[in-house]
Amino acid sequence: MRERKADTFFLSIHMIAFVVVSAAIILAVNIQQRNQALHEAAEKTRILLEHNLAIHTYFSKQLKPRIFDLTDKTRESSYFDPTWMSSTYAVREIDKNYRGNTGHSYYYKECAVNARSPENEADELEKAFIEGLKEDPSRTDQSLVRHLNGELFFVHMRRGESMEQSCLRCHSKPAAAPAGLVERYGVQRSFQRTTGELVSAISIRIPLGEAYKAANMFSLKLSLLLIVILGLTFTLQHFIIHRMFLQPLTSIRNRVMAVLGDEMKLGESITPESVSSEVNDLTRAYNEMSLKLHKEREGLVAQVNLRTVELTEKVAELQSALAQVKRLEGIIPICGYCKQIRDDQESWHQLEAYISDHSDALFSHGLCPECLEKEMAKV
C-alpha cells in the first residue's frame, strides 16, 4: 500500500469533500434561483392576465354600453371608433403605454388567426396552441420555456374568446359591419366567423435571460466566496493538524530515531506539546515506555556484566586447568629402571614429585598386597 503524509491525505480528503459539497450547493442554488425566476414569471403572467381581463370586463360591461346609450341617437350606423368600441384595441394601447412608461420588456398579445388588426395576428406557436384548443375543448392553457429569436422566455397561453351572437354584426359579413370598420381594416380580416367559434387566445411572454444571467452571476460570486472559504479553512486546518497532531508525532518519531542511533538516549522524556489530550496521552505513554525500557536495559546490562565477570573467571579456571592438562599430554621421558621422569631442563624427578608439580594430584604411600608379601618374606 502506498504511503502518504497524513496532512496531505487529510487536506486532500477535505478538499474533495468541500469541492463536491460546494458544487452541489452552487448547483442547487442556481436551480433554485432559476425556479424562482420561473415562479416570478408565472406570477407576473397571472397579474397581467387578471389586470387586462379586468379592463376587458370594464369596457364590455360598463364603458361600451354606457357610451352606446349616450350616443345612440346621434351616432351614425357606419360609425366605428376602436378606442372605445373595441376592448382588445384598448387593452393593446394601454399595454403599450404601460411598457413605454415602465421600460418593462414583457410580451402581451390577444392573438387570433386572421385577426382584425395585424398587430394581433398569431405567430406559429400561437396558431398551434389555438388549433390544439379547437381539437381539445377541455384544454384551457399552456406554460413552457422557449427560445424565441435568440432569447429565452417563459411563455403562457390561455384560451381566449369564443364568438357570440352579439359579435357577428362585425365579424360575419363585411356588408353587415359598420362602414368605418371595413374602411379601417378591409373586407378580409376577421370576417366569416360563426357562433361558438374559438377565435382568440391570450399569449404572454416574460423574458428569462436577465433573471438567468443574475442567477449565474450569483452562482459565480458564491463560487468565489466558497473558494475563499476553502482557502481559509485549508490554512486553518493545516495549522490545527500540524499543531495538534503532526508536530507531536514528529517529536516522537525523532526521539525514536535518536534512540535507534544512540541507545544511551533511551529513557529521555518528551514534553507534551499538543492541545489534543489523545496525542498527549500517546506522548506520556511513550515516556513511560522509554523509562521502563531504560530501566530494563540497565538491569540487563548489570546482569550481563555480572555474568561476564563470572564467565571470565570460569574461563580463566578452565584455561588454567586446560593448561595443566596439556603439560601431562604427549610423550613423557621416564627411566625404565628407577621410573624417574626427565623434564624439559634435562633434570630427573621422582615420578610422584613430577606429577604433583604438574597437576593437582597428591600421593599417599603404602604397600600393595604383592609387595607386602615379598617384603615380609625378606624379614
Protein backbone atom coordinates (compact mmCIF):
# COMPACT_ATOMS: atom_id res chain seq x y z
CA MET A 1 0.00 0.00 0.00
CA ARG A 2 1.37 3.40 -0.99
CA GLU A 3 2.33 5.60 1.94
CA ARG A 4 1.05 9.18 2.15
CA LYS A 5 1.69 12.05 4.51
CA ALA A 6 -1.14 12.49 6.97
CA ASP A 7 -1.58 16.23 6.39
CA THR A 8 -1.62 15.77 2.61
CA PHE A 9 -4.11 12.92 2.90
CA PHE A 10 -6.50 14.77 5.23
CA LEU A 11 -6.26 18.01 3.26
CA SER A 12 -6.94 16.14 0.02
CA ILE A 13 -9.98 14.44 1.51
CA HIS A 14 -11.17 17.79 2.86
CA MET A 15 -10.65 19.49 -0.50
CA ILE A 16 -12.50 16.79 -2.42
CA ALA A 17 -15.39 16.80 0.06
CA PHE A 18 -15.50 20.61 0.07
CA VAL A 19 -15.48 20.81 -3.75
CA VAL A 20 -18.23 18.18 -4.08
CA VAL A 21 -20.41 19.83 -1.43
CA SER A 22 -19.73 23.32 -2.85
CA ALA A 23 -20.61 22.18 -6.36
CA ALA A 24 -23.81 20.62 -5.07
CA ILE A 25 -24.68 23.82 -3.15
CA ILE A 26 -23.93 26.05 -6.16
CA LEU A 27 -25.94 23.81 -8.47
CA ALA A 28 -28.84 23.66 -6.02
CA VAL A 29 -28.79 27.44 -5.53
CA ASN A 30 -28.62 28.04 -9.28
CA ILE A 31 -31.53 25.68 -9.90
CA GLN A 32 -33.48 27.27 -7.05
CA GLN A 33 -32.88 30.75 -8.46
CA ARG A 34 -33.98 29.64 -11.91
CA ASN A 35 -37.08 28.04 -10.42
CA GLN A 36 -37.68 31.25 -8.50
CA ALA A 37 -37.35 33.20 -11.76
CA LEU A 38 -39.92 30.88 -13.35
CA HIS A 39 -42.21 31.30 -10.34
CA GLU A 40 -41.91 35.09 -10.52
CA ALA A 41 -42.53 34.98 -14.29
CA ALA A 42 -45.65 32.89 -13.71
CA GLU A 43 -46.81 35.36 -11.04
CA LYS A 44 -46.22 38.32 -13.40
CA THR A 45 -48.18 36.45 -16.05
CA ARG A 46 -51.08 35.93 -13.68
CA ILE A 47 -51.12 39.60 -12.67
CA LEU A 48 -51.01 40.80 -16.31
CA LEU A 49 -53.73 38.39 -17.29
CA GLU A 50 -56.06 39.34 -14.44
CA HIS A 51 -55.34 43.05 -14.94
CA ASN A 52 -56.11 43.02 -18.67
CA LEU A 53 -59.15 40.79 -18.25
CA ALA A 54 -60.42 43.33 -15.74
CA ILE A 55 -60.00 46.04 -18.39
CA HIS A 56 -61.95 43.87 -20.85
CA THR A 57 -64.72 43.43 -18.34
CA TYR A 58 -64.88 47.16 -17.64
CA PHE A 59 -65.04 48.01 -21.34
CA SER A 60 -67.57 45.33 -22.22
CA LYS A 61 -69.84 45.62 -19.18
CA GLN A 62 -69.66 49.31 -18.26
CA LEU A 63 -67.97 51.68 -20.69
CA LYS A 64 -69.27 50.44 -24.06
CA PRO A 65 -72.91 50.02 -23.00
CA ARG A 66 -72.96 53.48 -21.42
CA ILE A 67 -71.40 55.20 -24.40
CA PHE A 68 -73.68 53.31 -26.77
CA ASP A 69 -76.65 54.58 -24.76
CA LEU A 70 -75.35 58.14 -24.77
CA THR A 71 -74.60 58.21 -28.50
CA ASP A 72 -77.39 56.02 -29.76
CA LYS A 73 -79.44 58.93 -31.09
CA THR A 74 -76.58 60.85 -32.63
CA ARG A 75 -74.26 58.02 -33.80
CA GLU A 76 -74.42 57.03 -37.44
CA SER A 77 -74.72 53.33 -38.27
CA SER A 78 -71.47 53.46 -40.21
CA TYR A 79 -69.55 54.99 -37.31
CA PHE A 80 -66.68 52.96 -35.82
CA ASP A 81 -64.03 54.04 -33.32
CA PRO A 82 -61.91 51.22 -31.77
CA THR A 83 -60.68 53.42 -28.94
CA TRP A 84 -63.92 52.80 -27.07
CA MET A 85 -65.74 50.24 -29.16
CA SER A 86 -63.01 47.54 -29.04
CA SER A 87 -61.77 46.33 -25.66
CA THR A 88 -58.98 44.39 -27.40
CA TYR A 89 -57.76 47.60 -29.02
CA ALA A 90 -57.98 49.43 -25.68
CA VAL A 91 -56.03 46.73 -23.82
CA ARG A 92 -53.32 46.73 -26.51
CA GLU A 93 -52.90 50.51 -26.40
CA ILE A 94 -52.95 50.64 -22.59
CA ASP A 95 -50.31 47.91 -22.53
CA LYS A 96 -48.13 49.89 -24.97
CA ASN A 97 -48.33 52.97 -22.79
CA TYR A 98 -47.55 50.97 -19.67
CA ARG A 99 -44.46 49.34 -21.18
CA GLY A 100 -43.31 52.67 -22.56
CA ASN A 101 -43.60 54.32 -19.16
CA THR A 102 -42.05 51.49 -17.11
CA GLY A 103 -39.50 50.06 -19.53
CA HIS A 104 -40.72 46.50 -18.90
CA SER A 105 -39.86 44.12 -21.72
CA TYR A 106 -42.63 41.54 -21.45
CA TYR A 107 -44.84 40.47 -24.37
CA TYR A 108 -48.65 40.53 -24.30
CA LYS A 109 -50.89 39.74 -27.21
CA GLU A 110 -54.54 38.80 -27.63
CA CYS A 111 -53.80 36.77 -30.70
CA ALA A 112 -56.08 35.27 -33.34
CA VAL A 113 -55.85 33.54 -36.69
CA ASN A 114 -56.84 36.11 -39.33
CA ALA A 115 -57.02 38.75 -36.59
CA ARG A 116 -58.73 42.03 -37.32
CA SER A 117 -55.60 44.02 -36.54
CA PRO A 118 -52.29 42.71 -37.96
CA GLU A 119 -50.77 43.52 -34.56
CA ASN A 120 -52.88 40.73 -33.07
CA GLU A 121 -52.09 38.10 -35.70
CA ALA A 122 -50.98 34.83 -34.11
CA ASP A 123 -47.47 33.53 -34.83
CA GLU A 124 -46.72 29.87 -35.47
CA LEU A 125 -46.52 28.93 -31.79
CA GLU A 126 -49.78 30.70 -31.01
CA LYS A 127 -51.54 29.24 -34.08
CA ALA A 128 -50.54 25.74 -32.96
CA PHE A 129 -51.98 26.46 -29.50
CA ILE A 130 -55.29 27.74 -30.93
CA GLU A 131 -55.58 24.68 -33.17
CA GLY A 132 -54.90 22.49 -30.14
CA LEU A 133 -57.71 24.24 -28.25
CA LYS A 134 -60.12 23.52 -31.09
CA GLU A 135 -59.16 19.85 -31.07
CA ASP A 136 -59.39 19.56 -27.28
CA PRO A 137 -62.13 21.81 -25.84
CA SER A 138 -61.17 20.81 -22.25
CA ARG A 139 -57.77 22.39 -22.63
CA THR A 140 -57.52 25.91 -21.24
CA ASP A 141 -53.86 26.99 -21.05
CA GLN A 142 -50.23 26.03 -21.60
CA SER A 143 -46.97 27.15 -19.99
CA LEU A 144 -43.49 26.45 -21.33
CA VAL A 145 -39.97 27.85 -21.66
CA ARG A 146 -38.87 28.63 -25.20
CA HIS A 147 -36.01 30.23 -27.10
CA LEU A 148 -37.60 32.78 -29.41
CA ASN A 149 -35.48 34.97 -31.67
CA GLY A 150 -32.39 34.03 -29.71
CA GLU A 151 -33.89 34.91 -26.30
CA LEU A 152 -35.26 32.73 -23.53
CA PHE A 153 -38.88 33.33 -22.48
CA PHE A 154 -41.43 31.95 -20.08
CA VAL A 155 -44.47 31.54 -22.33
CA HIS A 156 -48.01 31.29 -21.05
CA MET A 157 -51.00 30.96 -23.42
CA ARG A 158 -54.65 30.87 -22.39
CA ARG A 159 -57.91 30.18 -24.15
CA GLY A 160 -59.50 33.44 -25.34
CA GLU A 161 -62.97 34.42 -26.53
CA SER A 162 -65.43 32.37 -28.49
CA MET A 163 -67.65 34.13 -31.00
CA GLU A 164 -71.01 35.24 -29.53
CA GLN A 165 -74.17 36.14 -31.42
CA SER A 166 -73.83 39.81 -30.49
CA CYS A 167 -70.40 39.91 -32.13
CA LEU A 168 -71.48 38.62 -35.54
CA ARG A 169 -72.54 42.09 -36.74
CA CYS A 170 -68.88 42.99 -37.01
CA HIS A 171 -67.47 39.51 -37.78
CA SER A 172 -69.93 37.73 -40.09
CA LYS A 173 -70.02 39.61 -43.41
CA PRO A 174 -68.39 42.91 -44.41
CA ALA A 175 -71.76 44.27 -45.61
CA ALA A 176 -73.24 43.87 -42.14
CA ALA A 177 -70.33 45.58 -40.39
CA PRO A 178 -70.04 49.34 -39.82
CA ALA A 179 -68.57 51.04 -42.86
CA GLY A 180 -65.93 52.71 -40.72
CA LEU A 181 -64.69 49.29 -39.55
CA VAL A 182 -64.46 47.95 -43.09
CA GLU A 183 -62.73 51.09 -44.22
CA ARG A 184 -60.17 50.79 -41.42
CA TYR A 185 -59.41 47.04 -41.59
CA GLY A 186 -60.62 45.90 -45.04
CA VAL A 187 -63.02 43.16 -46.08
CA GLN A 188 -60.76 40.17 -45.40
CA ARG A 189 -59.69 40.29 -41.77
CA SER A 190 -61.79 38.58 -39.10
CA PHE A 191 -64.95 38.06 -41.14
CA GLN A 192 -66.93 34.89 -41.85
CA ARG A 193 -66.94 33.94 -38.18
CA THR A 194 -69.61 31.65 -36.70
CA THR A 195 -71.30 31.48 -33.33
CA GLY A 196 -69.27 29.50 -30.76
CA GLU A 197 -66.12 29.56 -32.86
CA LEU A 198 -62.91 29.93 -30.86
CA VAL A 199 -61.29 33.00 -32.34
CA SER A 200 -58.53 34.11 -29.98
CA ALA A 201 -56.02 33.25 -27.29
CA ILE A 202 -54.05 35.32 -24.84
CA SER A 203 -50.28 34.99 -25.20
CA ILE A 204 -47.87 36.33 -22.57
CA ARG A 205 -44.08 36.03 -22.68
CA ILE A 206 -41.81 37.00 -19.81
CA PRO A 207 -38.07 37.22 -20.68
CA LEU A 208 -35.86 34.98 -18.53
CA GLY A 209 -32.46 35.99 -19.87
CA GLU A 210 -31.76 38.66 -17.26
CA ALA A 211 -33.06 36.52 -14.41
CA TYR A 212 -30.96 33.54 -15.51
CA LYS A 213 -27.95 35.78 -16.01
CA ALA A 214 -28.43 37.12 -12.49
CA ALA A 215 -28.68 33.54 -11.21
CA ASN A 216 -25.44 32.63 -12.98
CA MET A 217 -23.73 35.76 -11.65
CA PHE A 218 -24.85 34.94 -8.11
CA SER A 219 -23.56 31.39 -8.58
CA LEU A 220 -20.23 32.80 -9.75
CA LYS A 221 -20.00 35.10 -6.72
CA LEU A 222 -20.97 32.20 -4.47
CA SER A 223 -18.24 30.10 -6.10
CA LEU A 224 -15.64 32.80 -5.44
CA LEU A 225 -16.82 33.11 -1.84
CA LEU A 226 -16.57 29.35 -1.37
CA ILE A 227 -13.08 29.37 -2.88
CA VAL A 228 -12.04 31.99 -0.33
CA ILE A 229 -13.64 29.94 2.44
CA LEU A 230 -11.85 26.86 1.11
CA GLY A 231 -8.51 28.66 1.25
CA LEU A 232 -9.13 29.90 4.78
CA THR A 233 -10.29 26.51 6.01
CA PHE A 234 -7.30 24.86 4.33
CA THR A 235 -4.93 27.21 6.13
CA LEU A 236 -6.70 26.80 9.46
CA GLN A 237 -6.96 23.04 9.09
CA HIS A 238 -3.29 22.76 8.14
CA PHE A 239 -2.33 24.77 11.23
CA ILE A 240 -4.59 22.73 13.53
CA ILE A 241 -3.44 19.38 12.14
CA HIS A 242 0.21 20.40 12.32
CA ARG A 243 -0.10 21.88 15.81
CA MET A 244 -2.28 19.19 17.34
CA PHE A 245 -1.02 16.05 15.65
CA LEU A 246 1.88 16.26 13.24
CA GLN A 247 4.30 18.28 15.38
CA PRO A 248 3.92 15.99 18.47
CA LEU A 249 4.10 12.87 16.29
CA THR A 250 7.20 14.23 14.60
CA SER A 251 8.80 14.78 18.01
CA ILE A 252 8.04 11.17 18.96
CA ARG A 253 9.42 9.91 15.67
CA ASN A 254 12.61 11.98 16.01
CA ARG A 255 13.07 10.69 19.57
CA VAL A 256 12.65 7.08 18.38
CA MET A 257 15.16 7.64 15.58
CA ALA A 258 17.58 9.18 18.09
CA VAL A 259 17.23 6.13 20.37
CA LEU A 260 17.86 3.84 17.40
CA GLY A 261 21.04 5.79 16.70
CA ASP A 262 22.17 6.03 20.31
CA GLU A 263 20.81 3.64 22.94
CA MET A 264 22.05 5.93 25.69
CA LYS A 265 19.18 8.31 24.83
CA LEU A 266 16.67 5.69 25.92
CA GLY A 267 14.80 6.99 28.96
CA GLU A 268 14.80 10.65 27.89
CA SER A 269 11.30 12.17 28.04
CA ILE A 270 9.33 14.28 25.56
CA THR A 271 7.37 17.26 26.86
CA PRO A 272 3.66 17.03 25.81
CA GLU A 273 3.05 19.97 23.44
CA SER A 274 -0.26 19.20 21.75
CA VAL A 275 -3.62 20.65 22.73
CA SER A 276 -5.07 17.24 21.93
CA SER A 277 -5.44 15.07 25.02
CA GLU A 278 -5.17 11.92 22.88
CA VAL A 279 -1.80 12.95 21.44
CA ASN A 280 -0.56 13.98 24.89
CA ASP A 281 -1.64 10.57 26.23
CA LEU A 282 0.40 8.99 23.43
CA THR A 283 3.41 11.16 24.39
CA ARG A 284 3.11 10.20 28.05
CA ALA A 285 2.75 6.54 27.09
CA TYR A 286 5.95 6.83 25.06
CA ASN A 287 7.76 8.44 28.01
CA GLU A 288 6.64 5.64 30.35
CA MET A 289 7.66 3.00 27.82
CA SER A 290 11.03 4.68 27.24
CA LEU A 291 11.73 4.92 31.01
CA LYS A 292 10.68 1.32 31.57
CA LEU A 293 12.85 0.10 28.70
CA HIS A 294 15.73 2.18 30.06
CA LYS A 295 15.43 0.55 33.47
CA GLU A 296 15.15 -2.90 31.96
CA ARG A 297 18.16 -2.19 29.78
CA GLU A 298 20.20 -1.05 32.77
CA GLY A 299 19.16 -4.18 34.64
CA LEU A 300 20.10 -6.34 31.68
CA VAL A 301 23.45 -4.57 31.33
CA ALA A 302 24.17 -5.15 35.03
CA GLN A 303 23.24 -8.82 34.70
CA VAL A 304 25.32 -9.16 31.57
CA ASN A 305 28.31 -7.53 33.28
CA LEU A 306 27.94 -9.82 36.30
CA ARG A 307 27.62 -12.87 34.12
CA THR A 308 30.57 -11.67 32.08
CA VAL A 309 32.74 -11.46 35.21
CA GLU A 310 31.61 -14.91 36.30
CA LEU A 311 32.22 -16.34 32.87
CA THR A 312 35.61 -14.66 32.70
CA GLU A 313 36.59 -16.29 35.98
CA LYS A 314 35.29 -19.63 34.81
CA VAL A 315 37.14 -19.29 31.56
CA ALA A 316 40.34 -18.46 33.43
CA GLU A 317 39.90 -21.50 35.64
CA LEU A 318 39.19 -23.70 32.67
CA GLN A 319 42.11 -22.28 30.79
CA SER A 320 44.36 -22.89 33.78
CA ALA A 321 43.11 -26.44 34.14
CA LEU A 322 43.41 -26.95 30.42
CA ALA A 323 46.97 -25.66 30.53
CA GLN A 324 47.83 -28.10 33.33
CA VAL A 325 46.22 -30.99 31.49
CA LYS A 326 48.21 -30.12 28.44
CA ARG A 327 51.52 -30.38 30.41
CA LEU A 328 50.84 -34.04 31.06
CA GLU A 329 49.98 -34.80 27.49
CA GLY A 330 52.32 -36.06 24.88
CA ILE A 331 55.41 -38.34 25.38
CA ILE A 332 56.89 -38.14 28.89
CA PRO A 333 60.54 -39.43 29.15
CA ILE A 334 60.71 -41.91 32.09
CA CYS A 335 63.52 -44.14 33.28
CA GLY A 336 62.72 -47.78 32.69
CA TYR A 337 64.51 -48.83 35.81
CA CYS A 338 64.04 -46.23 38.54
CA LYS A 339 60.95 -44.65 36.98
CA GLN A 340 62.22 -41.07 37.30
CA ILE A 341 60.95 -38.54 34.76
CA ARG A 342 63.12 -36.10 32.80
CA ASP A 343 61.75 -32.57 32.34
CA ASP A 344 62.49 -30.03 29.61
CA GLN A 345 65.62 -28.84 31.50
CA GLU A 346 67.13 -32.36 31.42
CA SER A 347 66.56 -32.77 35.17
CA TRP A 348 65.30 -36.02 36.63
CA HIS A 349 62.48 -36.11 39.15
CA GLN A 350 60.72 -38.75 41.14
CA LEU A 351 57.51 -39.82 39.47
CA GLU A 352 55.36 -38.64 42.38
CA ALA A 353 57.06 -35.25 42.53
CA TYR A 354 56.73 -34.64 38.81
CA ILE A 355 53.01 -35.45 38.68
CA SER A 356 52.32 -33.35 41.80
CA ASP A 357 54.11 -30.37 40.21
CA HIS A 358 52.16 -30.63 37.00
CA SER A 359 48.70 -31.43 38.37
CA ASP A 360 46.56 -31.18 41.44
CA ALA A 361 47.18 -34.85 42.27
CA LEU A 362 48.76 -35.79 45.65
CA PHE A 363 50.24 -39.10 46.64
CA SER A 364 49.95 -41.24 49.77
CA HIS A 365 52.36 -44.16 50.13
CA GLY A 366 51.55 -47.70 51.10
CA LEU A 367 52.19 -51.34 50.02
CA CYS A 368 50.16 -53.40 47.69
CA PRO A 369 49.48 -56.99 48.82
CA GLU A 370 52.02 -58.46 46.46
CA CYS A 371 54.83 -56.16 47.62
CA LEU A 372 53.80 -56.61 51.21
CA GLU A 373 54.16 -60.36 50.82
CA LYS A 374 57.60 -60.03 49.25
CA GLU A 375 58.87 -57.70 51.95
CA MET A 376 57.56 -59.81 54.71
CA ALA A 377 59.37 -62.80 53.22
CA LYS A 378 62.62 -60.92 53.43
CA VAL A 379 62.13 -60.37 57.12
